[in-house]
Protein backbone atom coordinates (compact mmCIF):
# COMPACT_ATOMS: atom_id res chain seq x y z
CA UNK A 1 148.64 10.41 180.65
CA UNK A 2 149.68 9.95 177.02
CA UNK A 3 146.28 8.38 176.32
CA UNK A 4 144.37 11.44 177.65
CA UNK A 5 144.42 13.54 174.40
CA UNK A 6 143.24 10.48 172.48
CA UNK A 7 140.40 9.87 174.95
CA UNK A 8 139.35 13.56 174.82
CA UNK A 9 139.44 13.58 170.98
CA UNK A 10 137.45 10.35 170.83
CA UNK A 11 134.89 11.72 173.26
CA UNK A 12 134.59 14.93 171.23
CA UNK A 13 134.08 12.91 168.03
CA UNK A 14 131.40 10.75 169.69
CA UNK A 15 129.66 13.92 170.91
CA UNK A 16 129.89 15.52 167.47
CA UNK A 17 128.48 12.49 165.67
CA UNK A 18 125.72 11.91 168.23
CA UNK A 19 124.59 15.54 168.00
CA UNK A 20 125.26 16.14 164.35
CA UNK A 21 121.72 15.42 163.12
CA UNK A 22 120.67 18.70 164.73
CA UNK A 23 123.69 20.52 163.31
CA UNK A 24 123.04 19.13 159.86
CA UNK A 25 119.36 20.12 160.07
CA UNK A 26 120.50 23.65 160.97
CA UNK A 27 122.83 23.69 157.96
CA UNK A 28 120.05 22.49 155.67
CA UNK A 29 117.67 25.15 156.96
CA UNK A 30 120.21 27.92 156.33
CA UNK A 31 121.97 26.63 153.20
CA UNK A 32 122.66 29.15 150.44
CA UNK A 33 124.10 28.64 147.00
CA UNK A 34 127.04 30.82 146.08
CA UNK A 35 125.55 33.84 144.25
CA UNK A 36 126.03 33.72 140.49
CA UNK A 37 125.94 37.53 140.29
CA UNK A 38 127.16 40.24 142.67
CA UNK A 39 124.62 42.71 144.11
CA UNK A 40 125.88 45.56 141.92
CA UNK A 41 126.00 43.54 138.73
CA UNK A 42 122.44 42.31 139.36
CA UNK A 43 120.98 45.80 139.06
CA UNK A 44 122.85 46.32 135.80
CA UNK A 45 121.72 42.92 134.57
CA UNK A 46 118.08 43.74 135.35
CA UNK A 47 118.39 46.84 133.17
CA UNK A 48 120.15 45.08 130.31
CA UNK A 49 117.71 42.16 130.29
CA UNK A 50 114.68 44.39 130.95
CA UNK A 51 113.72 42.49 134.12
CA UNK A 52 111.43 44.06 136.70
CA UNK A 53 110.68 43.02 140.28
CA UNK A 54 107.18 42.66 141.64
CA UNK A 55 105.79 41.87 145.08
CA UNK A 56 103.17 39.25 145.83
CA UNK A 57 101.28 38.24 148.99
CA UNK A 58 98.89 35.32 149.14
CA UNK A 59 95.27 36.09 149.98
CA UNK A 60 94.85 32.72 151.71
CA UNK A 61 98.11 32.29 153.67
CA UNK A 62 100.74 34.56 155.24
CA UNK A 63 103.20 33.90 152.39
CA UNK A 64 104.75 36.94 150.71
CA UNK A 65 107.52 37.00 148.12
CA UNK A 66 109.16 38.95 145.33
CA UNK A 67 109.43 37.79 141.75
CA UNK A 68 111.24 38.73 138.57
CA UNK A 69 109.10 39.43 135.53
CA UNK A 70 109.90 39.79 131.85
CA UNK A 71 107.09 40.46 129.38
CA UNK A 72 107.28 39.15 125.84
CA UNK A 73 108.17 41.77 123.23
CA UNK A 74 105.66 42.39 120.42
CA UNK A 75 106.65 40.50 117.29
CA UNK A 76 107.90 42.73 114.50
CA UNK A 77 108.09 41.93 110.77
CA UNK A 78 111.64 41.10 109.71
CA UNK A 79 113.33 43.97 107.85
CA UNK A 80 115.11 42.25 104.99
CA UNK A 81 116.79 45.50 103.90
CA UNK A 82 118.80 45.90 107.11
CA UNK A 83 122.17 44.24 107.47
CA UNK A 84 122.30 42.12 110.65
CA UNK A 85 124.83 43.27 113.27
CA UNK A 86 125.53 39.65 114.26
CA UNK A 87 125.20 36.23 112.76
CA UNK A 88 122.91 35.34 115.69
CA UNK A 89 119.89 37.00 117.26
CA UNK A 90 120.90 35.98 120.80
CA UNK A 91 124.31 34.96 122.15
CA UNK A 92 124.79 33.75 125.73
CA UNK A 93 128.07 32.36 127.05
CA UNK A 94 128.96 31.55 130.65
CA UNK A 95 130.97 29.21 132.88
CA UNK A 96 129.16 27.78 135.88
CA UNK A 97 131.17 26.48 138.83
CA UNK A 98 128.93 24.10 140.74
CA UNK A 99 131.35 22.56 143.20
CA UNK A 100 131.99 19.25 141.51
CA UNK A 101 132.97 20.70 138.13
CA UNK A 102 132.93 23.78 135.94
CA UNK A 103 130.46 23.59 133.06
CA UNK A 104 130.71 25.90 130.05
CA UNK A 105 127.43 26.91 128.44
CA UNK A 106 127.21 28.45 124.97
CA UNK A 107 123.91 29.42 123.34
CA UNK A 108 123.63 30.85 119.82
CA UNK A 109 120.11 31.48 118.54
CA UNK A 110 118.99 32.28 115.02
CA UNK A 111 116.97 35.48 114.54
CA UNK A 112 114.12 33.40 113.12
CA UNK A 113 113.51 32.06 116.65
CA UNK A 114 112.75 35.48 118.11
CA UNK A 115 109.12 35.57 119.31
CA UNK A 116 108.42 32.25 117.62
CA UNK A 117 106.51 30.99 120.66
CA UNK A 118 103.86 32.32 123.05
CA UNK A 119 102.72 31.64 126.60
CA UNK A 120 104.12 31.99 130.09
CA UNK A 121 107.10 30.25 131.69
CA UNK A 122 107.22 29.99 135.50
CA UNK A 123 110.73 29.25 136.83
CA UNK A 124 111.17 27.64 140.29
CA UNK A 125 114.67 27.58 141.79
CA UNK A 126 116.28 24.89 143.92
CA UNK A 127 117.15 24.67 147.63
CA UNK A 128 119.42 27.47 148.81
CA UNK A 129 118.96 29.41 145.57
CA UNK A 130 116.74 32.34 144.65
CA UNK A 131 115.06 33.98 141.67
CA UNK A 132 118.28 35.61 140.44
CA UNK A 133 119.83 32.32 139.36
CA UNK A 134 117.39 32.35 136.43
CA UNK A 135 118.42 35.74 134.95
CA UNK A 136 120.05 34.40 131.77
CA UNK A 137 117.39 31.71 131.39
CA UNK A 138 114.72 34.39 131.59
CA UNK A 139 116.46 36.18 128.74
CA UNK A 140 116.41 32.96 126.72
CA UNK A 141 112.69 32.28 127.15
CA UNK A 142 111.88 35.98 126.65
CA UNK A 143 113.74 35.93 123.32
CA UNK A 144 111.64 32.97 122.21
CA UNK A 145 108.48 35.02 122.90
CA UNK A 146 107.35 33.96 126.38
CA UNK A 147 106.33 36.04 129.37
CA UNK A 148 108.69 34.83 132.10
CA UNK A 149 108.17 34.79 135.88
CA UNK A 150 110.70 33.72 138.56
CA UNK A 151 109.63 33.97 142.23
CA UNK A 152 111.58 33.38 145.43
CA UNK A 153 110.25 30.23 147.09
CA UNK A 154 109.36 30.21 150.83
CA UNK A 155 112.37 30.87 153.07
CA UNK A 156 114.59 31.94 150.16
CA UNK A 157 115.67 35.31 148.79
CA UNK A 158 113.08 37.99 149.58
CA UNK A 159 110.35 35.52 150.54
CA UNK A 160 109.07 35.04 154.06
CA UNK A 161 107.79 31.82 155.62
CA UNK A 162 109.68 28.68 156.53
CA UNK A 163 111.49 26.50 154.02
CA UNK A 164 109.49 23.43 153.12
CA UNK A 165 111.79 21.63 150.65
CA UNK A 166 109.32 21.56 147.77
CA UNK A 167 106.30 20.38 149.79
CA UNK A 168 104.36 23.50 150.89
CA UNK A 169 106.19 25.38 148.13
CA UNK A 170 103.95 23.62 145.63
CA UNK A 171 100.77 24.72 147.42
CA UNK A 172 102.01 28.33 147.58
CA UNK A 173 102.94 28.28 143.89
CA UNK A 174 99.54 26.81 142.97
CA UNK A 175 97.97 29.76 144.82
CA UNK A 176 100.37 32.11 142.99
CA UNK A 177 99.37 30.62 139.62
CA UNK A 178 95.64 30.81 140.31
CA UNK A 179 95.80 34.42 141.52
CA UNK A 180 98.85 36.28 140.16
CA UNK A 181 98.96 34.36 136.87
CA UNK A 182 95.23 33.81 136.35
CA UNK A 183 95.23 36.13 133.31
CA UNK A 184 98.72 35.18 132.06
CA UNK A 185 99.27 34.17 128.46
CA UNK A 186 98.80 30.47 127.77
CA UNK A 187 100.12 27.83 127.50
CA UNK A 188 101.71 27.81 130.97
CA UNK A 189 105.00 25.92 131.28
CA UNK A 190 106.39 25.33 134.79
CA UNK A 191 110.15 24.82 134.95
CA UNK A 192 111.67 23.55 138.19
CA UNK A 193 115.27 22.85 139.15
CA UNK A 194 116.19 20.30 141.86
CA UNK A 195 113.90 21.06 144.84
CA UNK A 196 112.04 23.44 142.54
CA UNK A 197 111.16 20.44 140.36
CA UNK A 198 109.24 18.94 143.30
CA UNK A 199 107.55 22.32 143.82
CA UNK A 200 106.69 22.36 140.10
CA UNK A 201 105.12 18.90 140.24
CA UNK A 202 103.09 19.82 143.34
CA UNK A 203 102.05 23.17 141.84
CA UNK A 204 100.91 21.48 138.63
CA UNK A 205 98.90 18.93 140.62
CA UNK A 206 97.28 21.49 142.96
CA UNK A 207 96.58 24.23 140.42
CA UNK A 208 95.50 22.00 137.50
CA UNK A 209 96.68 24.90 135.32
CA UNK A 210 99.99 23.70 133.85
CA UNK A 211 100.18 22.84 130.16
CA UNK A 212 103.69 21.41 130.46
CA UNK A 213 106.45 20.65 132.96
CA UNK A 214 110.22 20.90 132.55
CA UNK A 215 112.14 19.26 135.40
CA UNK A 216 115.87 20.07 135.48
CA UNK A 217 118.03 17.80 137.65
CA UNK A 218 114.91 16.95 139.71
CA UNK A 219 115.62 16.22 143.36
CA UNK A 220 115.26 12.64 144.54
CA UNK A 221 113.69 11.91 147.93
CA UNK A 222 115.05 14.42 150.43
CA UNK A 223 117.18 12.11 152.56
CA UNK A 224 118.87 10.64 149.47
CA UNK A 225 119.24 14.10 147.92
CA UNK A 226 120.89 15.38 151.11
CA UNK A 227 123.42 12.54 150.93
CA UNK A 228 124.05 13.49 147.31
CA UNK A 229 124.56 17.15 148.24
CA UNK A 230 127.12 16.17 150.88
CA UNK A 231 128.91 13.92 148.40
CA UNK A 232 128.95 16.61 145.69
CA UNK A 233 129.50 19.87 147.55
CA UNK A 234 131.11 18.91 150.89
CA UNK A 235 133.01 15.65 150.33
CA UNK A 236 135.05 16.27 153.51
CA UNK A 237 131.82 16.25 155.54
CA UNK A 238 130.68 13.14 153.74
CA UNK A 239 133.90 11.41 154.87
CA UNK A 240 133.61 12.50 158.52
CA UNK A 241 129.89 12.15 159.16
CA UNK A 242 128.01 8.86 158.77
CA UNK A 243 125.34 8.68 156.09
CA UNK A 244 122.82 7.81 158.80
CA UNK A 245 123.48 11.14 160.55
CA UNK A 246 123.07 13.14 157.32
CA UNK A 247 119.80 11.32 156.61
CA UNK A 248 118.67 11.94 160.19
CA UNK A 249 119.47 15.64 159.77
CA UNK A 250 117.36 15.77 156.62
CA UNK A 251 114.51 14.02 158.43
CA UNK A 252 114.74 16.51 161.31
CA UNK A 253 114.72 19.52 158.98
CA UNK A 254 111.60 18.14 157.28
CA UNK A 255 109.89 17.46 160.60
CA UNK A 256 110.58 21.03 161.73
CA UNK A 257 108.96 22.29 158.51
CA UNK A 258 105.87 20.14 159.00
CA UNK A 259 106.63 17.83 156.07
CA UNK A 260 107.28 14.12 155.74
CA UNK A 261 109.89 12.22 153.77
CA UNK A 262 107.27 10.55 151.59
CA UNK A 263 106.06 13.99 150.46
CA UNK A 264 109.50 14.74 148.97
CA UNK A 265 109.37 11.80 146.54
CA UNK A 266 107.88 13.26 143.34
CA UNK A 267 107.83 10.04 141.31
CA UNK A 268 104.46 8.68 142.59
CA UNK A 269 102.77 11.90 141.41
CA UNK A 270 104.14 11.78 137.85
CA UNK A 271 101.65 9.27 136.36
CA UNK A 272 98.75 11.23 137.87
CA UNK A 273 99.60 14.53 136.16
CA UNK A 274 99.24 13.54 132.53
CA UNK A 275 100.68 16.81 131.14
CA UNK A 276 103.69 16.71 128.77
CA UNK A 277 106.77 16.47 130.99
CA UNK A 278 110.42 16.91 130.06
CA UNK A 279 113.08 15.54 132.44
CA UNK A 280 116.72 16.53 131.97
CA UNK A 281 119.98 16.09 133.86
CA UNK A 282 123.08 13.98 134.41
CA UNK A 283 122.81 10.25 135.04
CA UNK A 284 125.71 10.49 137.50
CA UNK A 285 124.16 13.31 139.56
CA UNK A 286 123.68 11.84 143.08
CA UNK A 287 121.27 14.62 144.11
CA UNK A 288 118.84 13.90 141.28
CA UNK A 289 116.49 11.06 140.36
CA UNK A 290 117.19 11.38 136.62
CA UNK A 291 118.94 8.00 136.71
CA UNK A 292 115.69 6.28 137.82
CA UNK A 293 114.68 5.27 134.30
CA UNK A 294 111.70 3.16 135.40
CA UNK A 295 110.36 5.98 137.57
CA UNK A 296 109.99 8.19 134.49
CA UNK A 297 108.67 5.56 132.08
CA UNK A 298 105.29 7.07 131.14
CA UNK A 299 103.85 8.04 127.75
CA UNK A 300 103.67 11.77 128.62
CA UNK A 301 107.28 11.92 129.92
CA UNK A 302 110.43 12.46 127.85
CA UNK A 303 113.71 11.89 129.68
CA UNK A 304 117.04 13.18 128.39
CA UNK A 305 120.42 12.43 129.97
CA UNK A 306 123.49 14.62 129.51
CA UNK A 307 126.44 13.66 131.69
CA UNK A 308 128.27 16.86 130.74
CA UNK A 309 125.97 18.63 133.19
CA UNK A 310 126.52 19.09 136.93
CA UNK A 311 123.66 19.35 139.40
CA UNK A 312 123.48 23.16 139.16
CA UNK A 313 124.38 23.78 135.51
CA UNK A 314 120.99 22.90 133.92
CA UNK A 315 119.64 26.25 135.18
CA UNK A 316 121.70 27.87 132.40
CA UNK A 317 120.46 26.92 128.93
CA UNK A 318 123.08 25.70 126.47
CA UNK A 319 122.75 24.63 122.86
CA UNK A 320 121.84 21.01 123.67
CA UNK A 321 119.11 22.08 126.09
CA UNK A 322 117.73 24.58 123.59
CA UNK A 323 117.47 21.98 120.82
CA UNK A 324 115.80 19.61 123.27
CA UNK A 325 113.29 22.30 124.35
CA UNK A 326 112.38 23.21 120.78
CA UNK A 327 111.73 19.56 119.91
CA UNK A 328 109.65 19.08 123.08
CA UNK A 329 107.57 22.24 122.44
CA UNK A 330 105.86 20.29 119.64
CA UNK A 331 103.95 18.45 122.39
CA UNK A 332 102.32 21.66 123.67
CA UNK A 333 99.18 22.78 121.76
CA UNK A 334 99.05 26.49 120.94
CA UNK A 335 102.68 27.20 121.82
CA UNK A 336 103.69 28.57 118.42
CA UNK A 337 103.00 32.29 118.11
CA UNK A 338 100.16 33.14 115.72
CA UNK A 339 101.45 36.74 115.60
CA UNK A 340 104.86 35.54 114.46
CA UNK A 341 103.28 33.32 111.83
CA UNK A 342 101.22 36.24 110.49
CA UNK A 343 104.21 38.60 110.39
CA UNK A 344 106.29 36.02 108.52
CA UNK A 345 103.52 35.40 105.97
CA UNK A 346 103.27 39.12 105.30
């Protein structure tokens, strides 16, 4: 009789492990990142940052979503007779807790950078996130002079449709670009984080409209990324559940969405794009493929590694990212604002 509890526990564990692919698929399908901002503070933030929400529905599919929009401010001549209220034109400081570590981001921008650039930046969030994670980053790109757009991807935030883990997301975003952004200011830069990086690559390929790509902590193939997520965010689960079961759960979630594992590997598409591409993240991030140096070795790709970052933290721009962006912008024709240049010369 003393062996009975052991036998029952062992049987329960065998049942759990044998059925956990389905449970893990369910968790993947319903995963949500911890909100960076509370509901109340979001409304205040929208007002402070001058962000508006807009609705969009595709004319070719049933996809509908909501997106944040921030229009570039008209460039104004610098008033040299007015004393500046701050040493910097824009100051952003935040701490981002991303499970594995807390990353502090500090951004201090010179007034001379205000409206220095022109074009449109499209921001695509990662799995379990939504458009709101980009609020501070929208403020950053807006300050530089860009129109900025951040939609909810399928199955996230206020979007309908089923999650597709970057696969169908790319097709929907290509449709969004060719309809909602058809008259947007150029150049068009698509920025994607994690799963959103795969969506960005697919959107650039399908729309043929991107002038540049910025891939932040880009997601590696979905089964490997899922193992990395378990290792980073739920280490207790990673200890209890075999890697094979986590990978099987990822495969099942993809199958339910109508996708395949091969479609979640962005690296084969990179040499076919040809547009200037910036890749950034931590070498030790198990969710990302940043460490695959050979996979990014193409003339149009610049890869930067910063091991101070976590998987989530690249969505907030710090000083190192900013300096990297400004240097990379030199690869994009027409990105410097002609209006700013004229106002400075006056």
